[in-house]
Amino acid sequence: MKNILFIAFIAFISACNTEVATGKFGAAFENKNALPLTNALNSFNTGKDTTYAIFGTIENVCQHKGCWISLKNGNEEFYINNDETFKMPKTSKGHKATAIGKFVKDKDSVISFLTTGVVIE
């Protein structure tokens, strides 16, 4: 009897910890005309400061709150931040993502992407 209760308890705990790795997060947007991250970044670097829809593969995810992801940009990771306005699944590494937002430069001229919405496939 103890073994059955133990197995049921483990199954219950496992079910509580499952997190869906895909979905729509933050503001809704039409997932159209998205550019590969590299193309959008090149456009921004040539002076076009506008809202972009970008896509790529998730390289890493904030494991504390799910408040950022990073996309692969060549051999580097590119930081996608949501300013903690919504949470993204911590289990979405390796999934394709499309994000809408704007590129921003910090005081050290490091560019990141401030997103208002993300779709993870």
PDB file of N, CA and C in Angstrom:
ATOM      1  N   MET A   1       0.823  -1.194   0.000  1.00  0.00           N
ATOM      2  CA  MET A   1       0.000   0.000   0.000  1.00  0.00           C
ATOM      3  C   MET A   1       0.873   1.266   0.000  1.00  0.00           C
ATOM      4  N   LYS A   2       1.959   1.235   0.778  1.00  0.00           N
ATOM      5  CA  LYS A   2       2.853   2.394   0.834  1.00  0.00           C
ATOM      6  C   LYS A   2       3.450   2.684  -0.539  1.00  0.00           C
ATOM      7  N   ASN A   3       3.787   1.616  -1.287  1.00  0.00           N
ATOM      8  CA  ASN A   3       4.374   1.799  -2.624  1.00  0.00           C
ATOM      9  C   ASN A   3       3.386   2.462  -3.572  1.00  0.00           C
ATOM     10  N   ILE A   4       2.134   2.078  -3.491  1.00  0.00           N
ATOM     11  CA  ILE A   4       1.112   2.669  -4.354  1.00  0.00           C
ATOM     12  C   ILE A   4       0.937   4.148  -4.031  1.00  0.00           C
ATOM     13  N   LEU A   5       0.895   4.490  -2.760  1.00  0.00           N
ATOM     14  CA  LEU A   5       0.767   5.894  -2.363  1.00  0.00           C
ATOM     15  C   LEU A   5       1.986   6.704  -2.798  1.00  0.00           C
ATOM     16  N   PHE A   6       3.167   6.112  -2.670  1.00  0.00           N
ATOM     17  CA  PHE A   6       4.386   6.791  -3.065  1.00  0.00           C
ATOM     18  C   PHE A   6       4.377   7.063  -4.572  1.00  0.00           C
ATOM     19  N   ILE A   7       4.004   6.069  -5.368  1.00  0.00           N
ATOM     20  CA  ILE A   7       3.944   6.225  -6.826  1.00  0.00           C
ATOM     21  C   ILE A   7       2.910   7.271  -7.210  1.00  0.00           C
ATOM     22  N   ALA A   8       1.761   7.258  -6.555  1.00  0.00           N
ATOM     23  CA  ALA A   8       0.724   8.261  -6.834  1.00  0.00           C
ATOM     24  C   ALA A   8       1.225   9.662  -6.485  1.00  0.00           C
ATOM     25  N   PHE A   9       1.942   9.798  -5.386  1.00  0.00           N
ATOM     26  CA  PHE A   9       2.487  11.089  -4.977  1.00  0.00           C
ATOM     27  C   PHE A   9       3.501  11.594  -6.014  1.00  0.00           C
ATOM     28  N   ILE A  10       4.390  10.732  -6.478  1.00  0.00           N
ATOM     29  CA  ILE A  10       5.395  11.107  -7.477  1.00  0.00           C
ATOM     30  C   ILE A  10       4.702  11.524  -8.784  1.00  0.00           C
ATOM     31  N   ALA A  11       3.688  10.784  -9.192  1.00  0.00           N
ATOM     32  CA  ALA A  11       2.948  11.127 -10.411  1.00  0.00           C
ATOM     33  C   ALA A  11       2.272  12.484 -10.265  1.00  0.00           C
ATOM     34  N   PHE A  12       1.712  12.764  -9.094  1.00  0.00           N
ATOM     35  CA  PHE A  12       1.058  14.048  -8.842  1.00  0.00           C
ATOM     36  C   PHE A  12       2.057  15.190  -8.909  1.00  0.00           C
ATOM     37  N   ILE A  13       3.199  15.046  -8.276  1.00  0.00           N
ATOM     38  CA  ILE A  13       4.243  16.086  -8.284  1.00  0.00           C
ATOM     39  C   ILE A  13       4.743  16.310  -9.707  1.00  0.00           C
ATOM     40  N   SER A  14       4.958  15.244 -10.462  1.00  0.00           N
ATOM     41  CA  SER A  14       5.429  15.381 -11.840  1.00  0.00           C
ATOM     42  C   SER A  14       4.415  16.125 -12.696  1.00  0.00           C
ATOM     43  N   ALA A  15       3.146  15.840 -12.506  1.00  0.00           N
ATOM     44  CA  ALA A  15       2.105  16.516 -13.284  1.00  0.00           C
ATOM     45  C   ALA A  15       2.049  17.997 -12.960  1.00  0.00           C
ATOM     46  N   CYS A  16       2.317  18.373 -11.729  1.00  0.00           N
ATOM     47  CA  CYS A  16       2.293  19.783 -11.323  1.00  0.00           C
ATOM     48  C   CYS A  16       3.458  20.566 -11.912  1.00  0.00           C
ATOM     49  N   ASN A  17       4.550  19.887 -12.221  1.00  0.00           N
ATOM     50  CA  ASN A  17       5.746  20.570 -12.714  1.00  0.00           C
ATOM     51  C   ASN A  17       5.828  20.646 -14.229  1.00  0.00           C
ATOM     52  N   THR A  18       4.862  20.109 -14.939  1.00  0.00           N
ATOM     53  CA  THR A  18       4.923  20.182 -16.393  1.00  0.00           C
ATOM     54  C   THR A  18       4.556  21.584 -16.859  1.00  0.00           C
ATOM     55  N   GLU A  19       5.333  22.062 -17.790  1.00  0.00           N
ATOM     56  CA  GLU A  19       5.116  23.402 -18.321  1.00  0.00           C
ATOM     57  C   GLU A  19       5.073  23.299 -19.836  1.00  0.00           C
ATOM     58  N   VAL A  20       4.080  23.888 -20.430  1.00  0.00           N
ATOM     59  CA  VAL A  20       3.969  23.893 -21.883  1.00  0.00           C
ATOM     60  C   VAL A  20       5.067  24.788 -22.434  1.00  0.00           C
ATOM     61  N   ALA A  21       5.816  24.294 -23.424  1.00  0.00           N
ATOM     62  CA  ALA A  21       6.958  25.036 -23.961  1.00  0.00           C
ATOM     63  C   ALA A  21       6.589  25.913 -25.145  1.00  0.00           C
ATOM     64  N   THR A  22       5.347  25.866 -25.585  1.00  0.00           N
ATOM     65  CA  THR A  22       4.952  26.628 -26.766  1.00  0.00           C
ATOM     66  C   THR A  22       3.716  27.468 -26.463  1.00  0.00           C
ATOM     67  N   GLY A  23       3.422  28.415 -27.346  1.00  0.00           N
ATOM     68  CA  GLY A  23       2.225  29.229 -27.180  1.00  0.00           C
ATOM     69  C   GLY A  23       2.482  30.680 -27.524  1.00  0.00           C
ATOM     70  N   LYS A  24       1.485  31.517 -27.197  1.00  0.00           N
ATOM     71  CA  LYS A  24       1.570  32.965 -27.427  1.00  0.00           C
ATOM     72  C   LYS A  24       1.686  33.649 -26.078  1.00  0.00           C
ATOM     73  N   PHE A  25       2.630  34.574 -25.983  1.00  0.00           N
ATOM     74  CA  PHE A  25       2.920  35.244 -24.720  1.00  0.00           C
ATOM     75  C   PHE A  25       3.007  36.746 -24.940  1.00  0.00           C
ATOM     76  N   GLY A  26       2.478  37.523 -24.013  1.00  0.00           N
ATOM     77  CA  GLY A  26       2.487  38.974 -24.141  1.00  0.00           C
ATOM     78  C   GLY A  26       1.408  39.444 -25.092  1.00  0.00           C
ATOM     79  N   ALA A  27       1.651  40.579 -25.720  1.00  0.00           N
ATOM     80  CA  ALA A  27       0.675  41.180 -26.635  1.00  0.00           C
ATOM     81  C   ALA A  27       0.512  40.324 -27.888  1.00  0.00           C
ATOM     82  N   ALA A  28      -0.729  40.212 -28.339  1.00  0.00           N
ATOM     83  CA  ALA A  28      -1.009  39.468 -29.566  1.00  0.00           C
ATOM     84  C   ALA A  28      -0.525  40.271 -30.770  1.00  0.00           C
ATOM     85  N   PHE A  29      -0.045  39.567 -31.775  1.00  0.00           N
ATOM     86  CA  PHE A  29       0.380  40.215 -33.013  1.00  0.00           C
ATOM     87  C   PHE A  29       0.242  39.215 -34.149  1.00  0.00           C
ATOM     88  N   GLU A  30       0.152  39.751 -35.358  1.00  0.00           N
ATOM     89  CA  GLU A  30       0.083  38.885 -36.534  1.00  0.00           C
ATOM     90  C   GLU A  30       1.480  38.399 -36.851  1.00  0.00           C
ATOM     91  N   ASN A  31       1.594  37.117 -36.958  1.00  0.00           N
ATOM     92  CA  ASN A  31       2.884  36.478 -37.186  1.00  0.00           C
ATOM     93  C   ASN A  31       3.198  36.493 -38.688  1.00  0.00           C
ATOM     94  N   LYS A  32       3.247  37.717 -39.272  1.00  0.00           N
ATOM     95  CA  LYS A  32       3.497  37.887 -40.705  1.00  0.00           C
ATOM     96  C   LYS A  32       4.751  38.726 -40.905  1.00  0.00           C
ATOM     97  N   ASN A  33       5.383  38.525 -42.046  1.00  0.00           N
ATOM     98  CA  ASN A  33       6.517  39.347 -42.479  1.00  0.00           C
ATOM     99  C   ASN A  33       7.654  39.407 -41.465  1.00  0.00           C
ATOM    100  N   ALA A  34       7.812  38.367 -40.663  1.00  0.00           N
ATOM    101  CA  ALA A  34       8.915  38.333 -39.711  1.00  0.00           C
ATOM    102  C   ALA A  34      10.228  38.131 -40.464  1.00  0.00           C
ATOM    103  N   LEU A  35      11.262  38.786 -39.983  1.00  0.00           N
ATOM    104  CA  LEU A  35      12.589  38.700 -40.590  1.00  0.00           C
ATOM    105  C   LEU A  35      13.491  37.821 -39.730  1.00  0.00           C
ATOM    106  N   PRO A  36      14.437  37.149 -40.360  1.00  0.00           N
ATOM    107  CA  PRO A  36      15.457  36.482 -39.547  1.00  0.00           C
ATOM    108  C   PRO A  36      16.155  37.537 -38.693  1.00  0.00           C
ATOM    109  N   LEU A  37      16.541  37.182 -37.505  1.00  0.00           N
ATOM    110  CA  LEU A  37      17.179  38.122 -36.578  1.00  0.00           C
ATOM    111  C   LEU A  37      18.312  38.892 -37.245  1.00  0.00           C
ATOM    112  N   THR A  38      19.180  38.211 -37.963  1.00  0.00           N
ATOM    113  CA  THR A  38      20.339  38.864 -38.593  1.00  0.00           C
ATOM    114  C   THR A  38      19.911  39.944 -39.579  1.00  0.00           C
ATOM    115  N   ASN A  39      18.895  39.664 -40.404  1.00  0.00           N
ATOM    116  CA  ASN A  39      18.419  40.664 -41.376  1.00  0.00           C
ATOM    117  C   ASN A  39      17.834  41.885 -40.674  1.00  0.00           C
ATOM    118  N   ALA A  40      17.032  41.662 -39.642  1.00  0.00           N
ATOM    119  CA  ALA A  40      16.423  42.783 -38.912  1.00  0.00           C
ATOM    120  C   ALA A  40      17.502  43.611 -38.217  1.00  0.00           C
ATOM    121  N   LEU A  41      18.480  42.964 -37.648  1.00  0.00           N
ATOM    122  CA  LEU A  41      19.568  43.671 -36.969  1.00  0.00           C
ATOM    123  C   LEU A  41      20.374  44.495 -37.961  1.00  0.00           C
ATOM    124  N   ASN A  42      20.623  43.948 -39.137  1.00  0.00           N
ATOM    125  CA  ASN A  42      21.325  44.712 -40.185  1.00  0.00           C
ATOM    126  C   ASN A  42      20.515  45.936 -40.593  1.00  0.00           C
ATOM    127  N   SER A  43      19.197  45.782 -40.718  1.00  0.00           N
ATOM    128  CA  SER A  43      18.328  46.905 -41.069  1.00  0.00           C
ATOM    129  C   SER A  43      18.390  47.986 -39.991  1.00  0.00           C
ATOM    130  N   PHE A  44      18.339  47.565 -38.732  1.00  0.00           N
ATOM    131  CA  PHE A  44      18.428  48.517 -37.619  1.00  0.00           C
ATOM    132  C   PHE A  44      19.775  49.243 -37.641  1.00  0.00           C
ATOM    133  N   ASN A  45      20.837  48.509 -37.891  1.00  0.00           N
ATOM    134  CA  ASN A  45      22.181  49.104 -37.897  1.00  0.00           C
ATOM    135  C   ASN A  45      22.373  50.097 -39.039  1.00  0.00           C
ATOM    136  N   THR A  46      21.561  50.011 -40.073  1.00  0.00           N
ATOM    137  CA  THR A  46      21.655  50.985 -41.176  1.00  0.00           C
ATOM    138  C   THR A  46      20.779  52.207 -40.921  1.00  0.00           C
ATOM    139  N   GLY A  47      20.145  52.257 -39.768  1.00  0.00           N
ATOM    140  CA  GLY A  47      19.407  53.455 -39.398  1.00  0.00           C
ATOM    141  C   GLY A  47      17.897  53.322 -39.390  1.00  0.00           C
ATOM    142  N   LYS A  48      17.355  52.178 -39.731  1.00  0.00           N
ATOM    143  CA  LYS A  48      15.905  52.014 -39.748  1.00  0.00           C
ATOM    144  C   LYS A  48      15.430  51.641 -38.340  1.00  0.00           C
ATOM    145  N   ASP A  49      14.924  52.625 -37.618  1.00  0.00           N
ATOM    146  CA  ASP A  49      14.442  52.427 -36.247  1.00  0.00           C
ATOM    147  C   ASP A  49      12.927  52.276 -36.290  1.00  0.00           C
ATOM    148  N   THR A  50      12.461  51.053 -36.253  1.00  0.00           N
ATOM    149  CA  THR A  50      11.044  50.765 -36.380  1.00  0.00           C
ATOM    150  C   THR A  50      10.711  49.525 -35.549  1.00  0.00           C
ATOM    151  N   THR A  51       9.463  49.164 -35.525  1.00  0.00           N
ATOM    152  CA  THR A  51       9.067  47.915 -34.890  1.00  0.00           C
ATOM    153  C   THR A  51       9.363  46.772 -35.848  1.00  0.00           C
ATOM    154  N   TYR A  52       9.976  45.727 -35.318  1.00  0.00           N
ATOM    155  CA  TYR A  52      10.337  44.571 -36.122  1.00  0.00           C
ATOM    156  C   TYR A  52       9.639  43.326 -35.587  1.00  0.00           C
ATOM    157  N   ALA A  53       9.336  42.411 -36.489  1.00  0.00           N
ATOM    158  CA  ALA A  53       8.977  41.046 -36.123  1.00  0.00           C
ATOM    159  C   ALA A  53      10.176  40.207 -36.539  1.00  0.00           C
ATOM    160  N   ILE A  54      10.783  39.528 -35.575  1.00  0.00           N
ATOM    161  CA  ILE A  54      11.979  38.732 -35.842  1.00  0.00           C
ATOM    162  C   ILE A  54      11.712  37.282 -35.478  1.00  0.00           C
ATOM    163  N   PHE A  55      12.503  36.376 -36.064  1.00  0.00           N
ATOM    164  CA  PHE A  55      12.367  34.979 -35.687  1.00  0.00           C
ATOM    165  C   PHE A  55      13.725  34.318 -35.605  1.00  0.00           C
ATOM    166  N   GLY A  56      13.749  33.219 -34.879  1.00  0.00           N
ATOM    167  CA  GLY A  56      14.961  32.434 -34.713  1.00  0.00           C
ATOM    168  C   GLY A  56      14.693  31.267 -33.787  1.00  0.00           C
ATOM    169  N   THR A  57      15.760  30.565 -33.435  1.00  0.00           N
ATOM    170  CA  THR A  57      15.672  29.427 -32.524  1.00  0.00           C
ATOM    171  C   THR A  57      16.135  29.860 -31.143  1.00  0.00           C
ATOM    172  N   ILE A  58      15.367  29.489 -30.144  1.00  0.00           N
ATOM    173  CA  ILE A  58      15.693  29.877 -28.766  1.00  0.00           C
ATOM    174  C   ILE A  58      16.933  29.130 -28.303  1.00  0.00           C
ATOM    175  N   GLU A  59      17.920  29.891 -27.886  1.00  0.00           N
ATOM    176  CA  GLU A  59      19.185  29.348 -27.407  1.00  0.00           C
ATOM    177  C   GLU A  59      19.158  29.171 -25.888  1.00  0.00           C
ATOM    178  N   ASN A  60      18.579  30.124 -25.174  1.00  0.00           N
ATOM    179  CA  ASN A  60      18.487  30.070 -23.715  1.00  0.00           C
ATOM    180  C   ASN A  60      17.239  30.792 -23.246  1.00  0.00           C
ATOM    181  N   VAL A  61      16.831  30.485 -22.012  1.00  0.00           N
ATOM    182  CA  VAL A  61      15.644  31.087 -21.400  1.00  0.00           C
ATOM    183  C   VAL A  61      15.981  31.426 -19.957  1.00  0.00           C
ATOM    184  N   CYS A  62      15.499  32.569 -19.482  1.00  0.00           N
ATOM    185  CA  CYS A  62      15.649  32.932 -18.071  1.00  0.00           C
ATOM    186  C   CYS A  62      15.038  31.818 -17.227  1.00  0.00           C
ATOM    187  N   GLN A  63      15.826  31.221 -16.365  1.00  0.00           N
ATOM    188  CA  GLN A  63      15.337  30.133 -15.523  1.00  0.00           C
ATOM    189  C   GLN A  63      14.790  30.634 -14.193  1.00  0.00           C
ATOM    190  N   HIS A  64      14.863  31.940 -13.962  1.00  0.00           N
ATOM    191  CA  HIS A  64      14.322  32.498 -12.722  1.00  0.00           C
ATOM    192  C   HIS A  64      12.844  32.827 -12.877  1.00  0.00           C
ATOM    193  N   LYS A  65      12.514  33.679 -13.866  1.00  0.00           N
ATOM    194  CA  LYS A  65      11.132  34.118 -14.061  1.00  0.00           C
ATOM    195  C   LYS A  65      10.612  33.917 -15.476  1.00  0.00           C
ATOM    196  N   GLY A  66      11.458  33.497 -16.407  1.00  0.00           N
ATOM    197  CA  GLY A  66      11.023  33.401 -17.796  1.00  0.00           C
ATOM    198  C   GLY A  66      10.856  34.770 -18.433  1.00  0.00           C
ATOM    199  N   CYS A  67      11.678  35.749 -18.006  1.00  0.00           N
ATOM    200  CA  CYS A  67      11.501  37.134 -18.463  1.00  0.00           C
ATOM    201  C   CYS A  67      12.345  37.473 -19.691  1.00  0.00           C
ATOM    202  N   TRP A  68      13.200  36.568 -20.157  1.00  0.00           N
ATOM    203  CA  TRP A  68      13.969  36.812 -21.368  1.00  0.00           C
ATOM    204  C   TRP A  68      14.267  35.487 -22.054  1.00  0.00           C
ATOM    205  N   ILE A  69      14.565  35.593 -23.333  1.00  0.00           N
ATOM    206  CA  ILE A  69      15.084  34.470 -24.102  1.00  0.00           C
ATOM    207  C   ILE A  69      16.269  34.992 -24.887  1.00  0.00           C
ATOM    208  N   SER A  70      17.052  34.095 -25.413  1.00  0.00           N
ATOM    209  CA  SER A  70      18.097  34.514 -26.348  1.00  0.00           C
ATOM    210  C   SER A  70      17.942  33.686 -27.615  1.00  0.00           C
ATOM    211  N   LEU A  71      18.201  34.341 -28.734  1.00  0.00           N
ATOM    212  CA  LEU A  71      18.175  33.677 -30.025  1.00  0.00           C
ATOM    213  C   LEU A  71      19.605  33.579 -30.534  1.00  0.00           C
ATOM    214  N   LYS A  72      19.859  32.588 -31.333  1.00  0.00           N
ATOM    215  CA  LYS A  72      21.176  32.416 -31.927  1.00  0.00           C
ATOM    216  C   LYS A  72      21.360  33.459 -33.017  1.00  0.00           C
ATOM    217  N   ASN A  73      22.494  34.166 -32.992  1.00  0.00           N
ATOM    218  CA  ASN A  73      22.848  35.150 -34.016  1.00  0.00           C
ATOM    219  C   ASN A  73      24.271  34.832 -34.465  1.00  0.00           C
ATOM    220  N   GLY A  74      24.393  34.016 -35.499  1.00  0.00           N
ATOM    221  CA  GLY A  74      25.716  33.552 -35.909  1.00  0.00           C
ATOM    222  C   GLY A  74      26.275  32.641 -34.831  1.00  0.00           C
ATOM    223  N   ASN A  75      27.424  33.008 -34.295  1.00  0.00           N
ATOM    224  CA  ASN A  75      28.033  32.225 -33.229  1.00  0.00           C
ATOM    225  C   ASN A  75      27.722  32.791 -31.851  1.00  0.00           C
ATOM    226  N   GLU A  76      26.877  33.821 -31.787  1.00  0.00           N
ATOM    227  CA  GLU A  76      26.578  34.473 -30.523  1.00  0.00           C
ATOM    228  C   GLU A  76      25.093  34.368 -30.192  1.00  0.00           C
ATOM    229  N   GLU A  77      24.805  34.609 -28.922  1.00  0.00           N
ATOM    230  CA  GLU A  77      23.417  34.682 -28.490  1.00  0.00           C
ATOM    231  C   GLU A  77      22.971  36.135 -28.509  1.00  0.00           C
ATOM    232  N   PHE A  78      21.709  36.361 -28.873  1.00  0.00           N
ATOM    233  CA  PHE A  78      21.155  37.706 -28.906  1.00  0.00           C
ATOM    234  C   PHE A  78      20.013  37.782 -27.912  1.00  0.00           C
ATOM    235  N   TYR A  79      20.078  38.733 -27.025  1.00  0.00           N
ATOM    236  CA  TYR A  79      19.174  38.879 -25.897  1.00  0.00           C
ATOM    237  C   TYR A  79      17.840  39.500 -26.305  1.00  0.00           C
ATOM    238  N   ILE A  80      16.739  38.813 -25.969  1.00  0.00           N
ATOM    239  CA  ILE A  80      15.378  39.285 -26.214  1.00  0.00           C
ATOM    240  C   ILE A  80      14.734  39.478 -24.840  1.00  0.00           C
ATOM    241  N   ASN A  81      14.420  40.708 -24.488  1.00  0.00           N
ATOM    242  CA  ASN A  81      13.922  41.048 -23.153  1.00  0.00           C
ATOM    243  C   ASN A  81      12.459  41.470 -23.233  1.00  0.00           C
ATOM    244  N   ASN A  82      11.687  41.129 -22.219  1.00  0.00           N
ATOM    245  CA  ASN A  82      10.293  41.587 -22.198  1.00  0.00           C
ATOM    246  C   ASN A  82      10.016  42.515 -21.020  1.00  0.00           C
ATOM    247  N   ASP A  83      11.067  42.998 -20.375  1.00  0.00           N
ATOM    248  CA  ASP A  83      10.923  43.923 -19.240  1.00  0.00           C
ATOM    249  C   ASP A  83      10.002  43.360 -18.149  1.00  0.00           C
ATOM    250  N   GLU A  84       9.999  42.043 -18.041  1.00  0.00           N
ATOM    251  CA  GLU A  84       9.209  41.336 -17.030  1.00  0.00           C
ATOM    252  C   GLU A  84       7.716  41.654 -17.102  1.00  0.00           C
ATOM    253  N   THR A  85       7.207  41.957 -18.306  1.00  0.00           N
ATOM    254  CA  THR A  85       5.778  42.237 -18.449  1.00  0.00           C
ATOM    255  C   THR A  85       4.964  40.964 -18.657  1.00  0.00           C
ATOM    256  N   PHE A  86       5.627  39.870 -19.033  1.00  0.00           N
ATOM    257  CA  PHE A  86       4.979  38.569 -19.145  1.00  0.00           C
ATOM    258  C   PHE A  86       6.050  37.498 -18.985  1.00  0.00           C
ATOM    259  N   LYS A  87       5.619  36.270 -18.744  1.00  0.00           N
ATOM    260  CA  LYS A  87       6.553  35.168 -18.551  1.00  0.00           C
ATOM    261  C   LYS A  87       6.500  34.227 -19.739  1.00  0.00           C
ATOM    262  N   MET A  88       7.679  33.724 -20.101  1.00  0.00           N
ATOM    263  CA  MET A  88       7.780  32.736 -21.159  1.00  0.00           C
ATOM    264  C   MET A  88       8.182  31.409 -20.530  1.00  0.00           C
ATOM    265  N   PRO A  89       7.834  30.296 -21.156  1.00  0.00           N
ATOM    266  CA  PRO A  89       8.133  28.993 -20.555  1.00  0.00           C
ATOM    267  C   PRO A  89       9.635  28.736 -20.463  1.00  0.00           C
ATOM    268  N   LYS A  90      10.054  28.277 -19.313  1.00  0.00           N
ATOM    269  CA  LYS A  90      11.470  28.000 -19.071  1.00  0.00           C
ATOM    270  C   LYS A  90      11.958  26.773 -19.834  1.00  0.00           C
ATOM    271  N   THR A  91      11.037  26.028 -20.409  1.00  0.00           N
ATOM    272  CA  THR A  91      11.371  24.789 -21.116  1.00  0.00           C
ATOM    273  C   THR A  91      11.378  24.962 -22.633  1.00  0.00           C
ATOM    274  N   SER A  92      11.443  26.179 -23.128  1.00  0.00           N
ATOM    275  CA  SER A  92      11.305  26.418 -24.565  1.00  0.00           C
ATOM    276  C   SER A  92      12.624  26.444 -25.343  1.00  0.00           C
ATOM    277  N   LYS A  93      13.730  26.155 -24.699  1.00  0.00           N
ATOM    278  CA  LYS A  93      15.019  26.131 -25.399  1.00  0.00           C
ATOM    279  C   LYS A  93      14.948  25.163 -26.580  1.00  0.00           C
ATOM    280  N   GLY A  94      15.457  25.609 -27.733  1.00  0.00           N
ATOM    281  CA  GLY A  94      15.462  24.780 -28.931  1.00  0.00           C
ATOM    282  C   GLY A  94      14.239  24.964 -29.814  1.00  0.00           C
ATOM    283  N   HIS A  95      13.216  25.643 -29.309  1.00  0.00           N
ATOM    284  CA  HIS A  95      12.006  25.886 -30.098  1.00  0.00           C
ATOM    285  C   HIS A  95      12.179  27.116 -30.989  1.00  0.00           C
ATOM    286  N   LYS A  96      11.421  27.175 -32.065  1.00  0.00           N
ATOM    287  CA  LYS A  96      11.396  28.347 -32.937  1.00  0.00           C
ATOM    288  C   LYS A  96      10.544  29.421 -32.267  1.00  0.00           C
ATOM    289  N   ALA A  97      10.965  30.681 -32.387  1.00  0.00           N
ATOM    290  CA  ALA A  97      10.219  31.785 -31.778  1.00  0.00           C
ATOM    291  C   ALA A  97      10.154  32.961 -32.734  1.00  0.00           C
ATOM    292  N   THR A  98       9.033  33.669 -32.677  1.00  0.00           N
ATOM    293  CA  THR A  98       8.864  34.934 -33.381  1.00  0.00           C
ATOM    294  C   THR A  98       8.524  35.978 -32.327  1.00  0.00           C
ATOM    295  N   ALA A  99       9.210  37.114 -32.363  1.00  0.00           N
ATOM    296  CA  ALA A  99       8.992  38.173 -31.379  1.00  0.00           C
ATOM    297  C   ALA A  99       8.749  39.483 -32.104  1.00  0.00           C
ATOM    298  N   ILE A 100       7.936  40.330 -31.503  1.00  0.00           N
ATOM    299  CA  ILE A 100       7.695  41.665 -32.070  1.00  0.00           C
ATOM    300  C   ILE A 100       8.165  42.697 -31.051  1.00  0.00           C
ATOM    301  N   GLY A 101       8.818  43.747 -31.536  1.00  0.00           N
ATOM    302  CA  GLY A 101       9.314  44.776 -30.638  1.00  0.00           C
ATOM    303  C   GLY A 101      10.295  45.696 -31.331  1.00  0.00           C
ATOM    304  N   LYS A 102      11.173  46.295 -30.522  1.00  0.00           N
ATOM    305  CA  LYS A 102      12.149  47.268 -31.034  1.00  0.00           C
ATOM    306  C   LYS A 102      13.544  46.932 -30.529  1.00  0.00           C
ATOM    307  N   PHE A 103      14.524  47.238 -31.354  1.00  0.00           N
ATOM    308  CA  PHE A 103      15.909  47.143 -30.926  1.00  0.00           C
ATOM    309  C   PHE A 103      16.217  48.341 -30.044  1.00  0.00           C
ATOM    310  N   VAL A 104      17.012  48.131 -29.010  1.00  0.00           N
ATOM    311  CA  VAL A 104      17.433  49.214 -28.118  1.00  0.00           C
ATOM    312  C   VAL A 104      18.933  49.093 -27.864  1.00  0.00           C
ATOM    313  N   LYS A 105      19.573  50.264 -27.677  1.00  0.00           N
ATOM    314  CA  LYS A 105      20.994  50.301 -27.326  1.00  0.00           C
ATOM    315  C   LYS A 105      21.119  50.783 -25.896  1.00  0.00           C
ATOM    316  N   ASP A 106      21.965  50.119 -25.119  1.00  0.00           N
ATOM    317  CA  ASP A 106      22.204  50.599 -23.762  1.00  0.00           C
ATOM    318  C   ASP A 106      23.322  51.647 -23.789  1.00  0.00           C
ATOM    319  N   LYS A 107      23.705  52.137 -22.628  1.00  0.00           N
ATOM    320  CA  LYS A 107      24.705  53.207 -22.548  1.00  0.00           C
ATOM    321  C   LYS A 107      26.068  52.791 -23.087  1.00  0.00           C
ATOM    322  N   ASP A 108      26.315  51.467 -23.161  1.00  0.00           N
ATOM    323  CA  ASP A 108      27.572  50.958 -23.708  1.00  0.00           C
ATOM    324  C   ASP A 108      27.443  50.565 -25.177  1.00  0.00           C
ATOM    325  N   SER A 109      26.331  50.972 -25.819  1.00  0.00           N
ATOM    326  CA  SER A 109      26.030  50.678 -27.222  1.00  0.00           C
ATOM    327  C   SER A 109      25.796  49.195 -27.500  1.00  0.00           C
ATOM    328  N   VAL A 110      25.463  48.425 -26.466  1.00  0.00           N
ATOM    329  CA  VAL A 110      25.100  47.023 -26.655  1.00  0.00           C
ATOM    330  C   VAL A 110      23.635  46.987 -27.083  1.00  0.00           C
ATOM    331  N   ILE A 111      23.362  46.295 -28.186  1.00  0.00           N
ATOM    332  CA  ILE A 111      22.006  46.233 -28.734  1.00  0.00           C
ATOM    333  C   ILE A 111      21.289  44.996 -28.206  1.00  0.00           C
ATOM    334  N   SER A 112      20.058  45.193 -27.785  1.00  0.00           N
ATOM    335  CA  SER A 112      19.185  44.077 -27.426  1.00  0.00           C
ATOM    336  C   SER A 112      17.821  44.361 -28.053  1.00  0.00           C
ATOM    337  N   PHE A 113      16.879  43.470 -27.812  1.00  0.00           N
ATOM    338  CA  PHE A 113      15.550  43.586 -28.422  1.00  0.00           C
ATOM    339  C   PHE A 113      14.519  43.597 -27.306  1.00  0.00           C
ATOM    340  N   LEU A 114      13.720  44.649 -27.256  1.00  0.00           N
ATOM    341  CA  LEU A 114      12.656  44.765 -26.256  1.00  0.00           C
ATOM    342  C   LEU A 114      11.360  44.325 -26.918  1.00  0.00           C
ATOM    343  N   THR A 115      10.852  43.185 -26.479  1.00  0.00           N
ATOM    344  CA  THR A 115       9.675  42.601 -27.113  1.00  0.00           C
ATOM    345  C   THR A 115       8.403  42.873 -26.314  1.00  0.00           C
ATOM    346  N   THR A 116       7.300  42.969 -27.051  1.00  0.00           N
ATOM    347  CA  THR A 116       5.993  43.112 -26.416  1.00  0.00           C
ATOM    348  C   THR A 116       5.182  41.831 -26.565  1.00  0.00           C
ATOM    349  N   GLY A 117       5.619  40.941 -27.452  1.00  0.00           N
ATOM    350  CA  GLY A 117       4.908  39.692 -27.660  1.00  0.00           C
ATOM    351  C   GLY A 117       5.810  38.652 -28.317  1.00  0.00           C
ATOM    352  N   VAL A 118       5.579  37.385 -27.952  1.00  0.00           N
ATOM    353  CA  VAL A 118       6.378  36.275 -28.489  1.00  0.00           C
ATOM    354  C   VAL A 118       5.449  35.113 -28.812  1.00  0.00           C
ATOM    355  N   VAL A 119       5.699  34.477 -29.933  1.00  0.00           N
ATOM    356  CA  VAL A 119       5.030  33.225 -30.290  1.00  0.00           C
ATOM    357  C   VAL A 119       6.116  32.156 -30.336  1.00  0.00           C
ATOM    358  N   ILE A 120       5.928  31.101 -29.549  1.00  0.00           N
ATOM    359  CA  ILE A 120       6.889  30.003 -29.500  1.00  0.00           C
ATOM    360  C   ILE A 120       6.229  28.769 -30.109  1.00  0.00           C
ATOM    361  N   GLU A 121       6.885  28.197 -31.088  1.00  0.00           N
ATOM    362  CA  GLU A 121       6.342  27.014 -31.776  1.00  0.00           C
ATOM    363  C   GLU A 121       6.992  25.751 -31.270  1.00  0.00           C
TER     364      GLU A 121
END
